[in-house]
């Protein structure tokens, strides 16, 4: 058994999943605060130099679901691992946010897509060596091309 311990919680403007933008063209620019436990503050040393962060968090209010799902962006069925569905075998979420500033154990960010009070289990600097022209968007690119 693997046990994860939250290092803090997200403070976001979203109290229900219906409030979180989703679907084709969804803009994730909401601001939030990563409130870390006081004992985690030393781990934030030198984070200020990064523009973006990965936030790894727990879908603490989602139930497990099937391995084939129909995302809101496409009426076709896809494997859950090819989607961002919250209904997963392991309820782990991953979001890239823009770092705005840090004040002690509080990290102010934009781009949140989590519910207020969501447990955070890790933060990592966002680094990518994949050139934009090499990225592929899979079935999502096809759905975007078809439009709403």
Protein backbone atom coordinates (compact mmCIF):
# COMPACT_ATOMS: atom_id res chain seq x y z
CA UNK A 1 0.00 0.00 0.00
CA UNK A 2 1.24 3.46 -0.88
CA UNK A 3 0.30 6.24 1.48
CA UNK A 4 0.39 9.90 0.44
CA UNK A 5 0.24 12.68 2.98
CA UNK A 6 -1.07 16.10 1.90
CA UNK A 7 1.47 18.90 2.14
CA UNK A 8 -1.25 21.55 1.98
CA UNK A 9 -4.47 22.57 0.29
CA UNK A 10 -5.52 24.70 -2.65
CA UNK A 11 -7.58 27.83 -2.12
CA UNK A 12 -9.53 28.40 -5.31
CA UNK A 13 -12.66 30.27 -6.39
CA UNK A 14 -14.40 26.97 -7.23
CA UNK A 15 -16.76 25.34 -4.74
CA UNK A 16 -18.45 23.01 -7.26
CA UNK A 17 -17.17 21.16 -10.30
CA UNK A 18 -19.76 22.95 -12.46
CA UNK A 19 -17.86 26.22 -11.88
CA UNK A 20 -14.58 24.90 -13.32
CA UNK A 21 -14.16 25.77 -17.03
CA UNK A 22 -14.00 22.67 -19.21
CA UNK A 23 -14.56 21.64 -22.76
CA UNK A 24 -13.09 22.88 -26.00
CA UNK A 25 -11.44 26.26 -25.65
CA UNK A 26 -11.76 26.33 -21.84
CA UNK A 27 -9.61 29.05 -20.31
CA UNK A 28 -7.87 28.17 -17.06
CA UNK A 29 -6.80 31.55 -15.74
CA UNK A 30 -8.39 31.56 -12.29
CA UNK A 31 -6.08 32.55 -9.46
CA UNK A 32 -5.58 30.53 -6.31
CA UNK A 33 -3.26 29.94 -3.42
CA UNK A 34 -1.29 26.81 -2.61
CA UNK A 35 -1.41 26.86 1.19
CA UNK A 36 1.30 24.54 2.43
CA UNK A 37 1.59 23.25 5.96
CA UNK A 38 4.00 25.44 7.96
CA UNK A 39 6.54 22.62 8.25
CA UNK A 40 6.68 22.41 4.42
CA UNK A 41 7.81 26.04 3.96
CA UNK A 42 11.56 25.20 3.80
CA UNK A 43 10.78 23.05 0.74
CA UNK A 44 9.69 26.18 -1.15
CA UNK A 45 13.20 27.64 -1.07
CA UNK A 46 14.30 28.82 -4.54
CA UNK A 47 10.90 28.13 -6.14
CA UNK A 48 10.53 31.84 -6.95
CA UNK A 49 12.79 31.55 -9.98
CA UNK A 50 10.37 29.33 -11.92
CA UNK A 51 7.55 30.68 -14.07
CA UNK A 52 5.32 27.60 -13.88
CA UNK A 53 4.77 24.70 -11.51
CA UNK A 54 3.26 21.24 -11.64
CA UNK A 55 0.78 20.77 -8.81
CA UNK A 56 0.00 17.15 -7.95
CA UNK A 57 -3.22 16.81 -6.02
CA UNK A 58 -5.97 14.38 -5.01
CA UNK A 59 -9.49 14.20 -6.48
CA UNK A 60 -10.80 13.87 -2.93
CA UNK A 61 -14.47 14.23 -3.93
CA UNK A 62 -14.51 11.99 -7.02
CA UNK A 63 -15.52 8.36 -7.17
CA UNK A 64 -13.64 5.77 -9.24
CA UNK A 65 -15.20 5.21 -12.64
CA UNK A 66 -15.03 3.06 -15.75
CA UNK A 67 -11.91 2.72 -17.86
CA UNK A 68 -13.81 3.99 -20.95
CA UNK A 69 -15.38 7.47 -20.66
CA UNK A 70 -17.11 10.12 -22.77
CA UNK A 71 -15.44 13.47 -22.02
CA UNK A 72 -17.49 16.66 -22.33
CA UNK A 73 -15.26 17.77 -25.23
CA UNK A 74 -16.17 14.81 -27.43
CA UNK A 75 -19.20 12.52 -27.72
CA UNK A 76 -16.97 9.57 -28.49
CA UNK A 77 -15.70 7.10 -25.93
CA UNK A 78 -12.01 7.18 -24.96
CA UNK A 79 -9.79 5.37 -22.49
CA UNK A 80 -9.73 7.17 -19.13
CA UNK A 81 -5.93 7.50 -19.35
CA UNK A 82 -6.36 9.54 -22.55
CA UNK A 83 -8.59 12.04 -20.71
CA UNK A 84 -8.53 14.36 -17.72
CA UNK A 85 -11.56 12.68 -16.12
CA UNK A 86 -11.61 12.91 -12.31
CA UNK A 87 -13.02 9.36 -12.15
CA UNK A 88 -9.81 7.35 -12.23
CA UNK A 89 -8.46 4.15 -10.67
CA UNK A 90 -6.18 6.36 -8.54
CA UNK A 91 -7.60 9.82 -7.86
CA UNK A 92 -4.47 11.80 -8.72
CA UNK A 93 -4.71 15.18 -10.46
CA UNK A 94 -1.98 17.15 -12.21
CA UNK A 95 -2.21 20.82 -13.12
CA UNK A 96 0.34 23.26 -14.55
CA UNK A 97 -0.02 26.69 -12.95
CA UNK A 98 1.78 30.00 -13.40
CA UNK A 99 3.67 31.16 -10.32
CA UNK A 100 2.68 34.71 -9.39
CA UNK A 101 4.49 35.10 -6.07
CA UNK A 102 5.30 33.41 -2.79
CA UNK A 103 4.64 34.66 0.72
CA UNK A 104 5.98 32.26 3.31
CA UNK A 105 4.18 28.94 2.98
CA UNK A 106 1.62 30.43 0.57
CA UNK A 107 2.22 30.24 -3.18
CA UNK A 108 0.00 32.48 -5.32
CA UNK A 109 -0.70 31.00 -8.75
CA UNK A 110 -2.96 31.32 -11.78
CA UNK A 111 -4.44 28.54 -13.87
CA UNK A 112 -6.12 26.58 -11.09
CA UNK A 113 -8.74 23.99 -12.03
CA UNK A 114 -9.24 22.36 -8.62
CA UNK A 115 -11.98 22.72 -6.05
CA UNK A 116 -11.36 24.88 -2.99
CA UNK A 117 -9.86 22.77 -0.21
CA UNK A 118 -8.36 20.13 -2.52
CA UNK A 119 -5.39 18.34 -0.91
CA UNK A 120 -1.99 18.96 -2.51
CA UNK A 121 0.52 16.10 -2.39
CA UNK A 122 3.46 17.63 -4.28
CA UNK A 123 4.74 20.62 -6.23
CA UNK A 124 7.47 20.47 -8.86
CA UNK A 125 8.96 23.10 -11.18
CA UNK A 126 7.56 22.86 -14.69
CA UNK A 127 10.30 22.03 -17.15
CA UNK A 128 9.77 20.81 -20.69
CA UNK A 129 12.29 19.89 -23.33
CA UNK A 130 9.58 18.94 -25.84
CA UNK A 131 9.49 21.53 -28.65
CA UNK A 132 5.99 22.85 -29.42
CA UNK A 133 6.11 21.46 -32.96
CA UNK A 134 6.67 17.94 -31.58
CA UNK A 135 3.62 17.95 -29.31
CA UNK A 136 0.51 16.04 -30.41
CA UNK A 137 -2.97 16.48 -28.93
CA UNK A 138 -4.43 13.09 -29.93
CA UNK A 139 -8.22 12.79 -30.12
CA UNK A 140 -8.59 16.28 -28.63
CA UNK A 141 -7.15 17.87 -31.79
CA UNK A 142 -9.75 15.99 -33.86
CA UNK A 143 -12.56 17.14 -31.55
CA UNK A 144 -11.32 20.75 -31.74
CA UNK A 145 -11.24 20.56 -35.53
CA UNK A 146 -14.86 19.32 -35.60
CA UNK A 147 -15.91 22.18 -33.31
CA UNK A 148 -18.78 22.28 -30.82
